[in-house]
N, C-alpha and C. Protein backbone atom coordinates (compact mmCIF):
# COMPACT_ATOMS: atom_id res chain seq x y z
N MET A 1 0.84 -1.19 0.00
CA MET A 1 0.00 0.00 0.00
C MET A 1 0.88 1.24 0.00
N ALA A 2 0.38 2.32 -0.57
CA ALA A 2 1.13 3.57 -0.63
C ALA A 2 1.09 4.25 0.73
N ARG A 3 2.12 4.02 1.54
CA ARG A 3 2.17 4.60 2.88
C ARG A 3 3.61 4.86 3.27
N CYS A 4 3.87 6.05 3.82
CA CYS A 4 5.20 6.42 4.28
C CYS A 4 5.52 5.64 5.55
N GLU A 5 6.74 5.09 5.62
CA GLU A 5 7.12 4.29 6.79
C GLU A 5 7.56 5.16 7.96
N ILE A 6 7.75 6.46 7.77
CA ILE A 6 8.16 7.36 8.84
C ILE A 6 6.93 8.04 9.47
N CYS A 7 6.16 8.77 8.67
CA CYS A 7 5.05 9.56 9.21
C CYS A 7 3.69 8.89 9.01
N ASN A 8 3.67 7.73 8.33
CA ASN A 8 2.43 6.97 8.12
C ASN A 8 1.44 7.70 7.21
N LYS A 9 1.93 8.62 6.38
CA LYS A 9 1.06 9.31 5.44
C LYS A 9 0.58 8.33 4.37
N GLY A 10 -0.72 8.33 4.10
CA GLY A 10 -1.30 7.41 3.14
C GLY A 10 -2.10 8.15 2.08
N PRO A 11 -2.82 7.41 1.25
CA PRO A 11 -3.59 8.04 0.18
C PRO A 11 -4.78 8.84 0.71
N ILE A 12 -5.18 9.84 -0.07
CA ILE A 12 -6.35 10.66 0.23
C ILE A 12 -7.38 10.37 -0.85
N TYR A 13 -8.62 10.16 -0.45
CA TYR A 13 -9.67 9.80 -1.39
C TYR A 13 -10.57 10.99 -1.67
N GLY A 14 -11.07 11.05 -2.90
CA GLY A 14 -11.96 12.13 -3.29
C GLY A 14 -12.65 11.78 -4.59
N HIS A 15 -13.05 12.82 -5.32
CA HIS A 15 -13.76 12.64 -6.58
C HIS A 15 -13.05 13.37 -7.70
N ARG A 16 -13.12 12.79 -8.89
CA ARG A 16 -12.75 13.49 -10.12
C ARG A 16 -14.04 14.10 -10.64
N ILE A 17 -14.04 15.41 -10.87
CA ILE A 17 -15.26 16.11 -11.24
C ILE A 17 -15.13 16.60 -12.68
N SER A 18 -16.04 16.16 -13.54
CA SER A 18 -16.03 16.59 -14.93
C SER A 18 -16.72 17.95 -15.06
N HIS A 19 -16.68 18.50 -16.27
CA HIS A 19 -17.30 19.80 -16.51
C HIS A 19 -18.81 19.72 -16.30
N ALA A 20 -19.41 18.56 -16.57
CA ALA A 20 -20.84 18.36 -16.35
C ALA A 20 -21.14 17.98 -14.90
N HIS A 21 -20.12 18.03 -14.06
CA HIS A 21 -20.20 17.74 -12.63
C HIS A 21 -20.57 16.29 -12.36
N ASN A 22 -20.13 15.37 -13.23
CA ASN A 22 -20.22 13.95 -12.94
C ASN A 22 -19.07 13.58 -12.01
N LEU A 23 -19.36 12.79 -10.98
CA LEU A 23 -18.35 12.43 -10.00
C LEU A 23 -17.91 10.98 -10.21
N THR A 24 -16.61 10.76 -10.25
CA THR A 24 -16.06 9.42 -10.22
C THR A 24 -15.00 9.38 -9.13
N LYS A 25 -14.86 8.23 -8.49
CA LYS A 25 -13.92 8.10 -7.39
C LYS A 25 -12.49 8.14 -7.90
N ARG A 26 -11.62 8.74 -7.10
CA ARG A 26 -10.19 8.72 -7.39
C ARG A 26 -9.43 8.82 -6.08
N ARG A 27 -8.10 8.60 -6.16
CA ARG A 27 -7.30 8.76 -4.95
C ARG A 27 -5.98 9.41 -5.30
N TRP A 28 -5.48 10.20 -4.35
CA TRP A 28 -4.19 10.86 -4.47
C TRP A 28 -3.21 10.12 -3.59
N ASN A 29 -2.15 9.60 -4.20
CA ASN A 29 -1.12 8.88 -3.46
C ASN A 29 -0.02 9.85 -3.03
N PRO A 30 0.60 9.62 -1.88
CA PRO A 30 1.74 10.46 -1.48
C PRO A 30 2.93 10.19 -2.39
N ASN A 31 3.82 11.16 -2.50
CA ASN A 31 5.01 11.04 -3.33
C ASN A 31 6.06 10.25 -2.55
N LEU A 32 6.10 8.94 -2.76
CA LEU A 32 7.01 8.06 -2.03
C LEU A 32 8.25 7.77 -2.85
N GLN A 33 9.39 7.73 -2.18
CA GLN A 33 10.67 7.42 -2.81
C GLN A 33 11.33 6.30 -2.02
N HIS A 34 12.06 5.43 -2.73
CA HIS A 34 12.85 4.40 -2.06
C HIS A 34 14.16 5.03 -1.60
N VAL A 35 14.45 4.92 -0.29
CA VAL A 35 15.63 5.55 0.30
C VAL A 35 16.33 4.51 1.18
N ARG A 36 17.67 4.50 1.12
CA ARG A 36 18.44 3.67 2.05
C ARG A 36 18.71 4.48 3.31
N VAL A 37 18.23 3.98 4.44
CA VAL A 37 18.29 4.70 5.71
C VAL A 37 19.19 3.93 6.67
N ILE A 38 19.97 4.67 7.46
CA ILE A 38 20.81 4.05 8.49
C ILE A 38 19.97 3.88 9.75
N VAL A 39 19.71 2.63 10.11
CA VAL A 39 18.96 2.31 11.33
C VAL A 39 19.90 1.56 12.25
N GLY A 40 20.31 2.22 13.33
CA GLY A 40 21.31 1.62 14.21
C GLY A 40 22.64 1.55 13.48
N LYS A 41 23.15 0.33 13.26
CA LYS A 41 24.40 0.16 12.52
C LYS A 41 24.18 -0.47 11.16
N THR A 42 22.91 -0.67 10.77
CA THR A 42 22.61 -1.33 9.51
C THR A 42 21.90 -0.37 8.56
N HIS A 43 21.96 -0.68 7.28
CA HIS A 43 21.22 0.07 6.26
C HIS A 43 19.92 -0.64 5.98
N LYS A 44 18.86 0.13 5.82
CA LYS A 44 17.55 -0.43 5.54
C LYS A 44 16.92 0.35 4.40
N SER A 45 16.27 -0.34 3.47
CA SER A 45 15.58 0.32 2.37
C SER A 45 14.15 0.59 2.80
N MET A 46 13.72 1.86 2.69
CA MET A 46 12.39 2.25 3.15
C MET A 46 11.69 3.05 2.06
N ARG A 47 10.37 3.04 2.12
CA ARG A 47 9.56 3.89 1.25
C ARG A 47 9.15 5.10 2.08
N VAL A 48 9.65 6.28 1.71
CA VAL A 48 9.49 7.48 2.52
C VAL A 48 8.92 8.59 1.64
N CYS A 49 8.02 9.40 2.19
CA CYS A 49 7.46 10.51 1.43
C CYS A 49 8.49 11.64 1.34
N THR A 50 8.31 12.49 0.34
CA THR A 50 9.28 13.56 0.11
C THR A 50 9.24 14.61 1.20
N ASN A 51 8.12 14.76 1.91
CA ASN A 51 8.08 15.70 3.04
C ASN A 51 9.04 15.27 4.14
N CYS A 52 9.12 13.97 4.41
CA CYS A 52 10.04 13.46 5.44
C CYS A 52 11.49 13.61 4.99
N ILE A 53 11.75 13.42 3.70
CA ILE A 53 13.12 13.59 3.20
C ILE A 53 13.55 15.04 3.31
N ARG A 54 12.68 15.96 2.91
CA ARG A 54 13.03 17.38 2.91
C ARG A 54 13.14 17.94 4.32
N SER A 55 12.33 17.43 5.27
CA SER A 55 12.36 17.96 6.63
C SER A 55 13.49 17.37 7.46
N GLY A 56 14.20 16.37 6.93
CA GLY A 56 15.35 15.81 7.63
C GLY A 56 15.00 14.72 8.62
N ARG A 57 13.82 14.14 8.52
CA ARG A 57 13.45 13.04 9.41
C ARG A 57 14.13 11.74 9.02
N VAL A 58 14.80 11.74 7.84
CA VAL A 58 15.47 10.54 7.34
C VAL A 58 16.95 10.85 7.22
N ASN A 59 17.82 9.95 7.69
CA ASN A 59 19.26 10.15 7.58
C ASN A 59 19.75 9.61 6.27
């Protein structure tokens, strides 16, 4: 599932609205990137959102 392993940010659900105002379901996924993170003395590959990368929550 599209979920950040640091802040637990997940998809947001809503509607796609046409010009005639017909509604169809859609979802917005967070911008996740694969990052190698130092956890203790080992490296771990994690899926992290770009907000966590930019704010420095990931080493």
